[in-house]
């Protein structure tokens, strides 16, 4: 398809509507380099007695056609209505006609209304912006900044789109909720040695419970040992001779070993196992104290709990346990007894 013929005095045809070379009686838009598809439309109709204004060699302006809805036509057919045109920075776009005379500027009084702002038109035409009419002007006091979320309602009284800002939502500050796990860790790491009074009461309770159960198991064993010794004495008397009777023999040693085994087993069940599982015995639970590892401040393992009990029990049988228990009075800073030092534990309050 061939390019349109430029107007007289022009080397190349400018942008605009030209007679469509493919459809007689139609015009098509030329963008300066090629025909724009889909822009063909009937050429403007003219009255029979009206002289033809559109030349085949020049562009066709669609605003030359009369308005059918009763609006007045522009004063000059070849010139767009200057009252509806404005360019960038307030410069009006000229279409070749005479510029309207500018009214002399008069000094505005102090209480005069501030100058109206020009707002971009939502239906921008060929000039890109449309000048706001008198009833479409937005005063600076009425202008509102646009908000990003697009919440705005058109005000039909002003004839413009007024965007009203929404006050920001302020969330009141709340202190962070304490983490129970962090609190447990902090409580573990901040363990301090338990008061000596609570430790003494707890040990007394545990000793009474252990002694009562051991005594209950020792009664029949002791009776058998006594009967065995009495039988040996009676047999020596019947001989009529002086005979040495040994109280410790294989029978009494077996009965004593059984009693010792009962004592140690009961200690494991009542002291070592609860300490390894919960960190406390019955007496320590009643007094609110527990046994912890000296390094991790956690409940000691079964090995440490067993070692702790064996040292305490054996030293108690050898009567050296008194020194073991009293050592916490002079130990610093964890108030450890000998059995605590052997198991690397301490009693926390």
C-alpha atoms as a PDB file:
ATOM      1  CA  UNK A   1       0.000   0.000   0.000  1.00  0.00           C
ATOM      2  CA  UNK A   2       1.516   3.326  -1.055  1.00  0.00           C
ATOM      3  CA  UNK A   3       2.211   6.248   1.285  1.00  0.00           C
ATOM      4  CA  UNK A   4      -0.068   9.311   1.181  1.00  0.00           C
ATOM      5  CA  UNK A   5       0.855  12.364  -0.819  1.00  0.00           C
ATOM      6  CA  UNK A   6       2.415  15.020   1.423  1.00  0.00           C
ATOM      7  CA  UNK A   7       0.895  18.473   1.641  1.00  0.00           C
ATOM      8  CA  UNK A   8       2.383  21.232  -0.500  1.00  0.00           C
ATOM      9  CA  UNK A   9       5.672  22.356   0.996  1.00  0.00           C
ATOM     10  CA  UNK A  10       6.229  19.132   2.988  1.00  0.00           C
ATOM     11  CA  UNK A  11       8.758  16.536   1.982  1.00  0.00           C
ATOM     12  CA  UNK A  12       7.107  13.662   3.854  1.00  0.00           C
ATOM     13  CA  UNK A  13       3.504  13.243   4.955  1.00  0.00           C
ATOM     14  CA  UNK A  14       2.943  13.991   8.619  1.00  0.00           C
ATOM     15  CA  UNK A  15       0.846  12.057  11.094  1.00  0.00           C
ATOM     16  CA  UNK A  16      -2.886  12.259  10.561  1.00  0.00           C
ATOM     17  CA  UNK A  17      -5.836  10.889   8.607  1.00  0.00           C
ATOM     18  CA  UNK A  18      -5.422  10.631   4.818  1.00  0.00           C
ATOM     19  CA  UNK A  19      -7.640   9.183   2.075  1.00  0.00           C
ATOM     20  CA  UNK A  20      -7.473   5.408   2.291  1.00  0.00           C
ATOM     21  CA  UNK A  21      -5.904   4.174  -0.998  1.00  0.00           C
ATOM     22  CA  UNK A  22      -7.479   0.730  -0.541  1.00  0.00           C
ATOM     23  CA  UNK A  23     -11.089   1.835   0.192  1.00  0.00           C
ATOM     24  CA  UNK A  24     -12.542   4.750  -1.790  1.00  0.00           C
ATOM     25  CA  UNK A  25     -14.480   7.204   0.336  1.00  0.00           C
ATOM     26  CA  UNK A  26     -12.646   6.222   3.546  1.00  0.00           C
ATOM     27  CA  UNK A  27      -9.815   7.766   5.451  1.00  0.00           C
ATOM     28  CA  UNK A  28      -7.072   5.951   7.408  1.00  0.00           C
ATOM     29  CA  UNK A  29      -4.575   7.084  10.008  1.00  0.00           C
ATOM     30  CA  UNK A  30      -0.944   7.529   8.892  1.00  0.00           C
ATOM     31  CA  UNK A  31       1.552   7.477  11.822  1.00  0.00           C
ATOM     32  CA  UNK A  32       4.349   9.062   9.837  1.00  0.00           C
ATOM     33  CA  UNK A  33       5.889   5.783   8.700  1.00  0.00           C
ATOM     34  CA  UNK A  34       3.079   3.340   7.920  1.00  0.00           C
ATOM     35  CA  UNK A  35      -0.675   2.957   7.780  1.00  0.00           C
ATOM     36  CA  UNK A  36      -2.204   1.982  11.123  1.00  0.00           C
ATOM     37  CA  UNK A  37      -4.449  -1.125  10.736  1.00  0.00           C
ATOM     38  CA  UNK A  38      -8.009  -0.870  11.986  1.00  0.00           C
ATOM     39  CA  UNK A  39      -8.257   2.940  11.706  1.00  0.00           C
ATOM     40  CA  UNK A  40     -10.233   3.127   8.440  1.00  0.00           C
ATOM     41  CA  UNK A  41     -13.487   5.054   8.743  1.00  0.00           C
ATOM     42  CA  UNK A  42     -15.831   6.924   6.365  1.00  0.00           C
ATOM     43  CA  UNK A  43     -14.610  10.310   5.224  1.00  0.00           C
ATOM     44  CA  UNK A  44     -16.461  13.316   6.750  1.00  0.00           C
ATOM     45  CA  UNK A  45     -19.665  14.145   4.834  1.00  0.00           C
ATOM     46  CA  UNK A  46     -20.182  17.595   3.386  1.00  0.00           C
ATOM     47  CA  UNK A  47     -23.296  19.482   2.407  1.00  0.00           C
ATOM     48  CA  UNK A  48     -23.858  19.700  -1.371  1.00  0.00           C
ATOM     49  CA  UNK A  49     -23.604  23.492  -1.425  1.00  0.00           C
ATOM     50  CA  UNK A  50     -20.616  23.615   0.960  1.00  0.00           C
ATOM     51  CA  UNK A  51     -17.281  23.991  -0.750  1.00  0.00           C
ATOM     52  CA  UNK A  52     -14.921  21.098  -0.270  1.00  0.00           C
ATOM     53  CA  UNK A  53     -12.209  21.862   2.233  1.00  0.00           C
ATOM     54  CA  UNK A  54     -10.429  18.526   2.375  1.00  0.00           C
ATOM     55  CA  UNK A  55      -7.892  18.099  -0.360  1.00  0.00           C
ATOM     56  CA  UNK A  56      -6.712  14.739  -1.567  1.00  0.00           C
ATOM     57  CA  UNK A  57      -3.147  15.798  -0.926  1.00  0.00           C
ATOM     58  CA  UNK A  58      -3.538  16.920   2.688  1.00  0.00           C
ATOM     59  CA  UNK A  59      -4.570  15.392   6.014  1.00  0.00           C
ATOM     60  CA  UNK A  60      -8.205  15.106   7.029  1.00  0.00           C
ATOM     61  CA  UNK A  61      -9.241  16.440  10.462  1.00  0.00           C
ATOM     62  CA  UNK A  62     -12.181  14.629  11.972  1.00  0.00           C
ATOM     63  CA  UNK A  63     -13.217  17.604  14.072  1.00  0.00           C
ATOM     64  CA  UNK A  64     -14.457  19.365  10.897  1.00  0.00           C
ATOM     65  CA  UNK A  65     -17.640  17.261  11.041  1.00  0.00           C
ATOM     66  CA  UNK A  66     -20.571  18.930  12.693  1.00  0.00           C
ATOM     67  CA  UNK A  67     -21.786  17.838  16.083  1.00  0.00           C
ATOM     68  CA  UNK A  68     -25.009  15.842  15.978  1.00  0.00           C
ATOM     69  CA  UNK A  69     -25.809  16.127  19.696  1.00  0.00           C
ATOM     70  CA  UNK A  70     -26.529  19.871  19.553  1.00  0.00           C
ATOM     71  CA  UNK A  71     -23.151  21.139  20.754  1.00  0.00           C
ATOM     72  CA  UNK A  72     -21.897  24.310  19.032  1.00  0.00           C
ATOM     73  CA  UNK A  73     -19.247  23.870  16.358  1.00  0.00           C
ATOM     74  CA  UNK A  74     -15.881  25.509  16.735  1.00  0.00           C
ATOM     75  CA  UNK A  75     -15.519  28.982  15.350  1.00  0.00           C
ATOM     76  CA  UNK A  76     -13.015  27.893  12.738  1.00  0.00           C
ATOM     77  CA  UNK A  77     -13.370  24.551  10.982  1.00  0.00           C
ATOM     78  CA  UNK A  78      -9.647  23.992  10.624  1.00  0.00           C
ATOM     79  CA  UNK A  79      -8.844  24.951  14.215  1.00  0.00           C
ATOM     80  CA  UNK A  80      -9.567  22.949  17.349  1.00  0.00           C
ATOM     81  CA  UNK A  81     -11.386  24.690  20.161  1.00  0.00           C
ATOM     82  CA  UNK A  82      -8.626  26.424  22.077  1.00  0.00           C
ATOM     83  CA  UNK A  83     -10.727  26.571  25.269  1.00  0.00           C
ATOM     84  CA  UNK A  84     -10.597  22.783  25.489  1.00  0.00           C
ATOM     85  CA  UNK A  85      -6.879  22.430  24.766  1.00  0.00           C
ATOM     86  CA  UNK A  86      -3.914  22.785  27.064  1.00  0.00           C
ATOM     87  CA  UNK A  87      -0.390  21.476  26.764  1.00  0.00           C
ATOM     88  CA  UNK A  88       2.267  20.640  29.236  1.00  0.00           C
ATOM     89  CA  UNK A  89       3.204  23.284  31.833  1.00  0.00           C
ATOM     90  CA  UNK A  90       0.109  25.333  30.886  1.00  0.00           C
ATOM     91  CA  UNK A  91       1.070  26.041  27.219  1.00  0.00           C
ATOM     92  CA  UNK A  92      -1.891  25.840  24.875  1.00  0.00           C
ATOM     93  CA  UNK A  93      -1.707  23.852  21.698  1.00  0.00           C
ATOM     94  CA  UNK A  94      -2.213  25.913  18.558  1.00  0.00           C
ATOM     95  CA  UNK A  95      -3.859  24.403  15.472  1.00  0.00           C
ATOM     96  CA  UNK A  96      -3.031  27.232  13.126  1.00  0.00           C
ATOM     97  CA  UNK A  97      -5.677  29.765  14.108  1.00  0.00           C
ATOM     98  CA  UNK A  98      -5.285  33.072  15.745  1.00  0.00           C
ATOM     99  CA  UNK A  99      -4.495  32.946  19.433  1.00  0.00           C
ATOM    100  CA  UNK A 100      -7.241  34.328  21.666  1.00  0.00           C
ATOM    101  CA  UNK A 101      -6.286  37.554  23.397  1.00  0.00           C
ATOM    102  CA  UNK A 102      -5.073  37.067  26.914  1.00  0.00           C
ATOM    103  CA  UNK A 103      -6.841  38.929  29.657  1.00  0.00           C
ATOM    104  CA  UNK A 104      -4.650  41.352  31.635  1.00  0.00           C
ATOM    105  CA  UNK A 105      -3.653  40.028  34.993  1.00  0.00           C
ATOM    106  CA  UNK A 106      -5.078  41.910  37.922  1.00  0.00           C
ATOM    107  CA  UNK A 107      -3.475  41.864  41.349  1.00  0.00           C
ATOM    108  CA  UNK A 108      -5.305  39.417  43.597  1.00  0.00           C
ATOM    109  CA  UNK A 109      -6.426  40.710  46.983  1.00  0.00           C
ATOM    110  CA  UNK A 110      -5.147  39.109  50.122  1.00  0.00           C
ATOM    111  CA  UNK A 111      -8.388  37.265  50.770  1.00  0.00           C
ATOM    112  CA  UNK A 112      -8.699  36.061  47.209  1.00  0.00           C
ATOM    113  CA  UNK A 113      -9.163  32.389  46.540  1.00  0.00           C
ATOM    114  CA  UNK A 114      -5.846  30.683  45.766  1.00  0.00           C
ATOM    115  CA  UNK A 115      -5.310  29.766  42.122  1.00  0.00           C
ATOM    116  CA  UNK A 116      -7.027  26.601  41.018  1.00  0.00           C
ATOM    117  CA  UNK A 117      -4.994  23.538  40.239  1.00  0.00           C
ATOM    118  CA  UNK A 118      -5.108  21.830  36.909  1.00  0.00           C
ATOM    119  CA  UNK A 119      -5.805  18.166  37.181  1.00  0.00           C
ATOM    120  CA  UNK A 120      -5.114  15.549  34.519  1.00  0.00           C
ATOM    121  CA  UNK A 121      -8.204  14.564  32.605  1.00  0.00           C
ATOM    122  CA  UNK A 122      -9.199  10.907  32.623  1.00  0.00           C
ATOM    123  CA  UNK A 123     -10.234  11.311  28.957  1.00  0.00           C
ATOM    124  CA  UNK A 124      -7.051  12.862  27.591  1.00  0.00           C
ATOM    125  CA  UNK A 125      -7.286  13.686  23.881  1.00  0.00           C
ATOM    126  CA  UNK A 126      -4.797  14.647  21.236  1.00  0.00           C
ATOM    127  CA  UNK A 127      -3.018  17.177  23.475  1.00  0.00           C
ATOM    128  CA  UNK A 128      -2.630  14.708  26.371  1.00  0.00           C
ATOM    129  CA  UNK A 129      -4.329  16.863  29.029  1.00  0.00           C
ATOM    130  CA  UNK A 130      -7.680  18.660  29.157  1.00  0.00           C
ATOM    131  CA  UNK A 131      -8.063  21.944  30.911  1.00  0.00           C
ATOM    132  CA  UNK A 132     -10.378  21.708  33.915  1.00  0.00           C
ATOM    133  CA  UNK A 133     -13.511  23.893  33.640  1.00  0.00           C
ATOM    134  CA  UNK A 134     -14.583  26.284  36.335  1.00  0.00           C
ATOM    135  CA  UNK A 135     -16.875  23.749  37.987  1.00  0.00           C
ATOM    136  CA  UNK A 136     -14.165  21.057  37.799  1.00  0.00           C
ATOM    137  CA  UNK A 137     -11.410  22.979  39.578  1.00  0.00           C
ATOM    138  CA  UNK A 138     -10.164  21.562  42.826  1.00  0.00           C
ATOM    139  CA  UNK A 139      -8.987  24.095  45.368  1.00  0.00           C
ATOM    140  CA  UNK A 140      -5.792  23.334  47.253  1.00  0.00           C
ATOM    141  CA  UNK A 141      -7.724  23.068  50.503  1.00  0.00           C
ATOM    142  CA  UNK A 142      -9.981  20.463  48.912  1.00  0.00           C
ATOM    143  CA  UNK A 143      -7.240  18.447  47.216  1.00  0.00           C
ATOM    144  CA  UNK A 144      -6.352  15.234  48.897  1.00  0.00           C
ATOM    145  CA  UNK A 145      -3.334  13.085  48.249  1.00  0.00           C
ATOM    146  CA  UNK A 146      -3.825   9.823  46.430  1.00  0.00           C
ATOM    147  CA  UNK A 147      -3.401   6.696  48.451  1.00  0.00           C
ATOM    148  CA  UNK A 148      -1.721   3.576  47.238  1.00  0.00           C
ATOM    149  CA  UNK A 149      -4.503   1.147  48.057  1.00  0.00           C
ATOM    150  CA  UNK A 150      -6.851   2.958  45.672  1.00  0.00           C
ATOM    151  CA  UNK A 151      -9.617   3.624  48.191  1.00  0.00           C
ATOM    152  CA  UNK A 152     -11.281   6.734  46.789  1.00  0.00           C
ATOM    153  CA  UNK A 153     -14.798   7.767  45.867  1.00  0.00           C
ATOM    154  CA  UNK A 154     -15.769  10.245  43.167  1.00  0.00           C
ATOM    155  CA  UNK A 155     -17.486  13.397  44.435  1.00  0.00           C
ATOM    156  CA  UNK A 156     -20.251  14.239  41.960  1.00  0.00           C
ATOM    157  CA  UNK A 157     -20.578  17.744  43.396  1.00  0.00           C
ATOM    158  CA  UNK A 158     -17.062  18.702  42.392  1.00  0.00           C
ATOM    159  CA  UNK A 159     -17.039  16.737  39.133  1.00  0.00           C
ATOM    160  CA  UNK A 160     -13.577  15.351  39.877  1.00  0.00           C
ATOM    161  CA  UNK A 161     -12.213  12.192  41.467  1.00  0.00           C
ATOM    162  CA  UNK A 162     -11.284  13.046  45.037  1.00  0.00           C
ATOM    163  CA  UNK A 163      -9.171  10.505  46.898  1.00  0.00           C
ATOM    164  CA  UNK A 164      -9.557  10.547  50.628  1.00  0.00           C
ATOM    165  CA  UNK A 165      -6.783   9.202  52.790  1.00  0.00           C
ATOM    166  CA  UNK A 166      -7.464   6.537  55.372  1.00  0.00           C
ATOM    167  CA  UNK A 167      -5.814   7.142  58.735  1.00  0.00           C
ATOM    168  CA  UNK A 168      -3.091   4.592  59.390  1.00  0.00           C
ATOM    169  CA  UNK A 169      -4.001   1.804  61.767  1.00  0.00           C
ATOM    170  CA  UNK A 170      -1.821   1.940  64.846  1.00  0.00           C
ATOM    171  CA  UNK A 171      -1.416  -1.379  66.606  1.00  0.00           C
ATOM    172  CA  UNK A 172      -0.831  -0.908  70.329  1.00  0.00           C
ATOM    173  CA  UNK A 173       2.440  -2.279  71.550  1.00  0.00           C
ATOM    174  CA  UNK A 174       2.224  -5.449  73.578  1.00  0.00           C
ATOM    175  CA  UNK A 175       5.077  -6.934  75.568  1.00  0.00           C
ATOM    176  CA  UNK A 176       6.299 -10.195  74.090  1.00  0.00           C
ATOM    177  CA  UNK A 177       4.878 -13.262  75.762  1.00  0.00           C
ATOM    178  CA  UNK A 178       7.513 -15.211  77.674  1.00  0.00           C
ATOM    179  CA  UNK A 179       8.558 -18.433  76.050  1.00  0.00           C
ATOM    180  CA  UNK A 180       7.955 -21.305  78.505  1.00  0.00           C
ATOM    181  CA  UNK A 181      10.804 -23.311  77.037  1.00  0.00           C
ATOM    182  CA  UNK A 182      13.218 -20.400  77.362  1.00  0.00           C
ATOM    183  CA  UNK A 183      12.001 -19.869  80.913  1.00  0.00           C
ATOM    184  CA  UNK A 184      12.666 -23.493  81.741  1.00  0.00           C
ATOM    185  CA  UNK A 185      16.162 -23.269  80.287  1.00  0.00           C
ATOM    186  CA  UNK A 186      16.855 -20.070  82.208  1.00  0.00           C
ATOM    187  CA  UNK A 187      15.612 -21.668  85.425  1.00  0.00           C
ATOM    188  CA  UNK A 188      17.873 -24.632  84.830  1.00  0.00           C
ATOM    189  CA  UNK A 189      20.931 -22.518  84.130  1.00  0.00           C
ATOM    190  CA  UNK A 190      20.273 -20.217  87.091  1.00  0.00           C
ATOM    191  CA  UNK A 191      20.186 -23.059  89.650  1.00  0.00           C
ATOM    192  CA  UNK A 192      21.626 -22.207  93.051  1.00  0.00           C
ATOM    193  CA  UNK A 193      22.614 -24.502  95.930  1.00  0.00           C
ATOM    194  CA  UNK A 194      19.677 -25.429  98.127  1.00  0.00           C
ATOM    195  CA  UNK A 195      19.548 -24.208 101.727  1.00  0.00           C
ATOM    196  CA  UNK A 196      21.218 -26.572 104.166  1.00  0.00           C
ATOM    197  CA  UNK A 197      18.095 -26.768 106.323  1.00  0.00           C
ATOM    198  CA  UNK A 198      15.990 -28.166 103.469  1.00  0.00           C
ATOM    199  CA  UNK A 199      18.755 -30.607 102.571  1.00  0.00           C
ATOM    200  CA  UNK A 200      18.933 -31.877 106.153  1.00  0.00           C
ATOM    201  CA  UNK A 201      15.151 -32.385 106.378  1.00  0.00           C
ATOM    202  CA  UNK A 202      15.061 -34.131 102.978  1.00  0.00           C
ATOM    203  CA  UNK A 203      17.925 -36.475 103.941  1.00  0.00           C
ATOM    204  CA  UNK A 204      16.264 -37.244 107.256  1.00  0.00           C
ATOM    205  CA  UNK A 205      13.019 -38.236 105.510  1.00  0.00           C
ATOM    206  CA  UNK A 206      14.858 -40.453 103.026  1.00  0.00           C
ATOM    207  CA  UNK A 207      16.888 -42.102 105.843  1.00  0.00           C
ATOM    208  CA  UNK A 208      13.793 -42.854 107.919  1.00  0.00           C
ATOM    209  CA  UNK A 209      12.008 -44.444 104.933  1.00  0.00           C
ATOM    210  CA  UNK A 210      15.053 -46.501 103.946  1.00  0.00           C
ATOM    211  CA  UNK A 211      15.740 -47.564 107.566  1.00  0.00           C
ATOM    212  CA  UNK A 212      12.171 -48.673 108.118  1.00  0.00           C
ATOM    213  CA  UNK A 213      12.144 -50.903 105.034  1.00  0.00           C
ATOM    214  CA  UNK A 214      15.601 -52.303 105.826  1.00  0.00           C
ATOM    215  CA  UNK A 215      14.593 -53.071 109.407  1.00  0.00           C
ATOM    216  CA  UNK A 216      11.496 -54.871 108.171  1.00  0.00           C
ATOM    217  CA  UNK A 217      13.704 -57.130 106.041  1.00  0.00           C
ATOM    218  CA  UNK A 218      16.367 -57.473 108.767  1.00  0.00           C
ATOM    219  CA  UNK A 219      14.052 -58.848 111.476  1.00  0.00           C
ATOM    220  CA  UNK A 220      13.790 -62.412 110.122  1.00  0.00           C
ATOM    221  CA  UNK A 221      17.462 -62.461 109.104  1.00  0.00           C
ATOM    222  CA  UNK A 222      18.570 -61.330 112.540  1.00  0.00           C
ATOM    223  CA  UNK A 223      16.354 -63.956 114.222  1.00  0.00           C
ATOM    224  CA  UNK A 224      17.955 -66.731 112.207  1.00  0.00           C
ATOM    225  CA  UNK A 225      21.436 -65.460 113.087  1.00  0.00           C
ATOM    226  CA  UNK A 226      20.598 -65.343 116.814  1.00  0.00           C
ATOM    227  CA  UNK A 227      19.162 -68.858 116.765  1.00  0.00           C
ATOM    228  CA  UNK A 228      22.282 -70.141 115.012  1.00  0.00           C
ATOM    229  CA  UNK A 229      24.614 -68.608 117.599  1.00  0.00           C
ATOM    230  CA  UNK A 230      22.510 -69.924 120.519  1.00  0.00           C
ATOM    231  CA  UNK A 231      22.694 -73.439 119.074  1.00  0.00           C
ATOM    232  CA  UNK A 232      26.500 -73.275 118.926  1.00  0.00           C
ATOM    233  CA  UNK A 233      26.708 -72.127 122.555  1.00  0.00           C
ATOM    234  CA  UNK A 234      24.423 -74.933 123.773  1.00  0.00           C
ATOM    235  CA  UNK A 235      26.485 -77.514 121.921  1.00  0.00           C
ATOM    236  CA  UNK A 236      29.694 -76.229 123.569  1.00  0.00           C
ATOM    237  CA  UNK A 237      28.153 -76.475 127.042  1.00  0.00           C
ATOM    238  CA  UNK A 238      27.144 -80.068 126.538  1.00  0.00           C
ATOM    239  CA  UNK A 239      30.741 -81.099 125.912  1.00  0.00           C
ATOM    240  CA  UNK A 240      31.821 -80.035 129.462  1.00  0.00           C
ATOM    241  CA  UNK A 241      34.957 -78.534 128.087  1.00  0.00           C
ATOM    242  CA  UNK A 242      36.068 -75.003 127.439  1.00  0.00           C
ATOM    243  CA  UNK A 243      35.306 -74.347 123.817  1.00  0.00           C
ATOM    244  CA  UNK A 244      35.693 -71.104 121.828  1.00  0.00           C
ATOM    245  CA  UNK A 245      32.521 -70.214 119.996  1.00  0.00           C
ATOM    246  CA  UNK A 246      32.945 -67.960 116.981  1.00  0.00           C
ATOM    247  CA  UNK A 247      30.021 -65.657 116.362  1.00  0.00           C
ATOM    248  CA  UNK A 248      31.022 -64.995 112.751  1.00  0.00           C
ATOM    249  CA  UNK A 249      30.922 -68.059 110.636  1.00  0.00           C
ATOM    250  CA  UNK A 250      29.653 -68.930 107.214  1.00  0.00           C
ATOM    251  CA  UNK A 251      26.034 -68.871 108.317  1.00  0.00           C
ATOM    252  CA  UNK A 252      26.101 -65.515 110.040  1.00  0.00           C
ATOM    253  CA  UNK A 253      28.217 -64.033 107.236  1.00  0.00           C
ATOM    254  CA  UNK A 254      25.642 -65.121 104.667  1.00  0.00           C
ATOM    255  CA  UNK A 255      22.842 -63.620 106.737  1.00  0.00           C
ATOM    256  CA  UNK A 256      24.798 -60.365 107.121  1.00  0.00           C
ATOM    257  CA  UNK A 257      25.526 -60.217 103.424  1.00  0.00           C
ATOM    258  CA  UNK A 258      21.854 -60.725 102.681  1.00  0.00           C
ATOM    259  CA  UNK A 259      20.973 -57.841 104.982  1.00  0.00           C
ATOM    260  CA  UNK A 260      23.580 -55.629 103.302  1.00  0.00           C
ATOM    261  CA  UNK A 261      22.208 -56.542  99.908  1.00  0.00           C
ATOM    262  CA  UNK A 262      18.698 -55.625 101.005  1.00  0.00           C
ATOM    263  CA  UNK A 263      19.989 -52.245 102.201  1.00  0.00           C
ATOM    264  CA  UNK A 264      21.773 -51.480  98.926  1.00  0.00           C
ATOM    265  CA  UNK A 265      18.918 -52.657  96.716  1.00  0.00           C
ATOM    266  CA  UNK A 266      16.415 -50.573  98.639  1.00  0.00           C
ATOM    267  CA  UNK A 267      18.755 -47.592  98.290  1.00  0.00           C
ATOM    268  CA  UNK A 268      18.894 -48.066  94.523  1.00  0.00           C
ATOM    269  CA  UNK A 269      15.096 -48.239  94.312  1.00  0.00           C
ATOM    270  CA  UNK A 270      14.431 -45.332  96.662  1.00  0.00           C
ATOM    271  CA  UNK A 271      17.367 -43.022  95.814  1.00  0.00           C
ATOM    272  CA  UNK A 272      19.249 -43.788  92.600  1.00  0.00           C
ATOM    273  CA  UNK A 273      16.287 -44.473  90.310  1.00  0.00           C
ATOM    274  CA  UNK A 274      14.172 -41.433  91.365  1.00  0.00           C
ATOM    275  CA  UNK A 275      17.224 -39.196  91.124  1.00  0.00           C
ATOM    276  CA  UNK A 276      18.005 -40.400  87.592  1.00  0.00           C
ATOM    277  CA  UNK A 277      14.389 -40.098  86.462  1.00  0.00           C
ATOM    278  CA  UNK A 278      13.084 -36.973  88.197  1.00  0.00           C
ATOM    279  CA  UNK A 279      16.178 -35.526  89.868  1.00  0.00           C
ATOM    280  CA  UNK A 280      14.694 -35.906  93.343  1.00  0.00           C
ATOM    281  CA  UNK A 281      13.792 -38.451  95.983  1.00  0.00           C
ATOM    282  CA  UNK A 282      10.712 -38.477  98.171  1.00  0.00           C
ATOM    283  CA  UNK A 283      12.280 -36.243 100.801  1.00  0.00           C
ATOM    284  CA  UNK A 284      13.692 -33.793  98.238  1.00  0.00           C
ATOM    285  CA  UNK A 285      10.313 -33.572  96.504  1.00  0.00           C
ATOM    286  CA  UNK A 286       8.609 -32.700  99.788  1.00  0.00           C
ATOM    287  CA  UNK A 287      11.222 -30.007 100.471  1.00  0.00           C
ATOM    288  CA  UNK A 288      11.228 -28.584  96.925  1.00  0.00           C
ATOM    289  CA  UNK A 289      14.846 -29.295  96.026  1.00  0.00           C
ATOM    290  CA  UNK A 290      16.444 -31.501  93.390  1.00  0.00           C
ATOM    291  CA  UNK A 291      19.758 -32.966  92.263  1.00  0.00           C
ATOM    292  CA  UNK A 292      21.398 -31.560  89.088  1.00  0.00           C
ATOM    293  CA  UNK A 293      24.511 -32.121  87.070  1.00  0.00           C
ATOM    294  CA  UNK A 294      27.248 -29.642  87.990  1.00  0.00           C
ATOM    295  CA  UNK A 295      27.948 -28.699  84.334  1.00  0.00           C
ATOM    296  CA  UNK A 296      24.678 -28.947  82.407  1.00  0.00           C
ATOM    297  CA  UNK A 297      22.343 -28.248  85.367  1.00  0.00           C
ATOM    298  CA  UNK A 298      20.181 -31.083  84.062  1.00  0.00           C
ATOM    299  CA  UNK A 299      18.958 -34.221  85.787  1.00  0.00           C
ATOM    300  CA  UNK A 300      21.938 -36.586  86.231  1.00  0.00           C
ATOM    301  CA  UNK A 301      22.048 -39.906  84.405  1.00  0.00           C
ATOM    302  CA  UNK A 302      21.553 -43.281  86.040  1.00  0.00           C
ATOM    303  CA  UNK A 303      25.284 -43.904  86.266  1.00  0.00           C
ATOM    304  CA  UNK A 304      25.911 -40.711  88.170  1.00  0.00           C
ATOM    305  CA  UNK A 305      22.883 -41.283  90.397  1.00  0.00           C
ATOM    306  CA  UNK A 306      24.012 -44.854  91.186  1.00  0.00           C
ATOM    307  CA  UNK A 307      27.565 -43.724  91.951  1.00  0.00           C
ATOM    308  CA  UNK A 308      26.193 -41.000  94.185  1.00  0.00           C
ATOM    309  CA  UNK A 309      24.120 -43.479  96.187  1.00  0.00           C
ATOM    310  CA  UNK A 310      26.813 -46.136  96.512  1.00  0.00           C
ATOM    311  CA  UNK A 311      29.335 -43.637  97.875  1.00  0.00           C
ATOM    312  CA  UNK A 312      26.795 -42.350 100.352  1.00  0.00           C
ATOM    313  CA  UNK A 313      25.591 -45.818 101.413  1.00  0.00           C
ATOM    314  CA  UNK A 314      29.016 -47.469 101.783  1.00  0.00           C
ATOM    315  CA  UNK A 315      30.449 -44.520 103.714  1.00  0.00           C
ATOM    316  CA  UNK A 316      27.367 -44.588 105.932  1.00  0.00           C
ATOM    317  CA  UNK A 317      27.892 -48.277 106.746  1.00  0.00           C
ATOM    318  CA  UNK A 318      31.545 -47.572 107.611  1.00  0.00           C
ATOM    319  CA  UNK A 319      30.464 -44.743 109.911  1.00  0.00           C
ATOM    320  CA  UNK A 320      32.484 -42.329 107.792  1.00  0.00           C
ATOM    321  CA  UNK A 321      29.186 -41.114 106.323  1.00  0.00           C
ATOM    322  CA  UNK A 322      28.945 -38.494 109.042  1.00  0.00           C
ATOM    323  CA  UNK A 323      31.962 -36.688 107.609  1.00  0.00           C
ATOM    324  CA  UNK A 324      30.492 -37.104 104.136  1.00  0.00           C
ATOM    325  CA  UNK A 325      27.251 -35.368 105.116  1.00  0.00           C
ATOM    326  CA  UNK A 326      28.924 -32.591 107.100  1.00  0.00           C
ATOM    327  CA  UNK A 327      31.339 -31.708 104.294  1.00  0.00           C
ATOM    328  CA  UNK A 328      28.703 -29.481 102.656  1.00  0.00           C
ATOM    329  CA  UNK A 329      29.095 -27.032 105.540  1.00  0.00           C
ATOM    330  CA  UNK A 330      32.578 -26.033 104.418  1.00  0.00           C
ATOM    331  CA  UNK A 331      32.415 -26.633 100.663  1.00  0.00           C
ATOM    332  CA  UNK A 332      32.182 -23.614  98.328  1.00  0.00           C
ATOM    333  CA  UNK A 333      30.459 -22.560  96.145  1.00  0.00           C
ATOM    334  CA  UNK A 334      28.123 -25.497  95.419  1.00  0.00           C
ATOM    335  CA  UNK A 335      27.869 -26.943  98.953  1.00  0.00           C
ATOM    336  CA  UNK A 336      28.787 -30.435  97.746  1.00  0.00           C
ATOM    337  CA  UNK A 337      29.153 -33.521  99.936  1.00  0.00           C
ATOM    338  CA  UNK A 338      31.612 -36.269  99.082  1.00  0.00           C
ATOM    339  CA  UNK A 339      28.997 -38.315  97.235  1.00  0.00           C
ATOM    340  CA  UNK A 340      28.105 -35.164  95.204  1.00  0.00           C
ATOM    341  CA  UNK A 341      31.718 -34.678  94.231  1.00  0.00           C
ATOM    342  CA  UNK A 342      32.022 -38.339  93.203  1.00  0.00           C
ATOM    343  CA  UNK A 343      28.962 -38.021  90.923  1.00  0.00           C
ATOM    344  CA  UNK A 344      29.665 -34.395  89.852  1.00  0.00           C
ATOM    345  CA  UNK A 345      26.280 -33.237  91.070  1.00  0.00           C
ATOM    346  CA  UNK A 346      24.896 -30.634  93.444  1.00  0.00           C
ATOM    347  CA  UNK A 347      21.572 -30.093  95.240  1.00  0.00           C
ATOM    348  CA  UNK A 348      19.693 -27.077  93.820  1.00  0.00           C
ATOM    349  CA  UNK A 349      16.970 -25.125  95.553  1.00  0.00           C
END
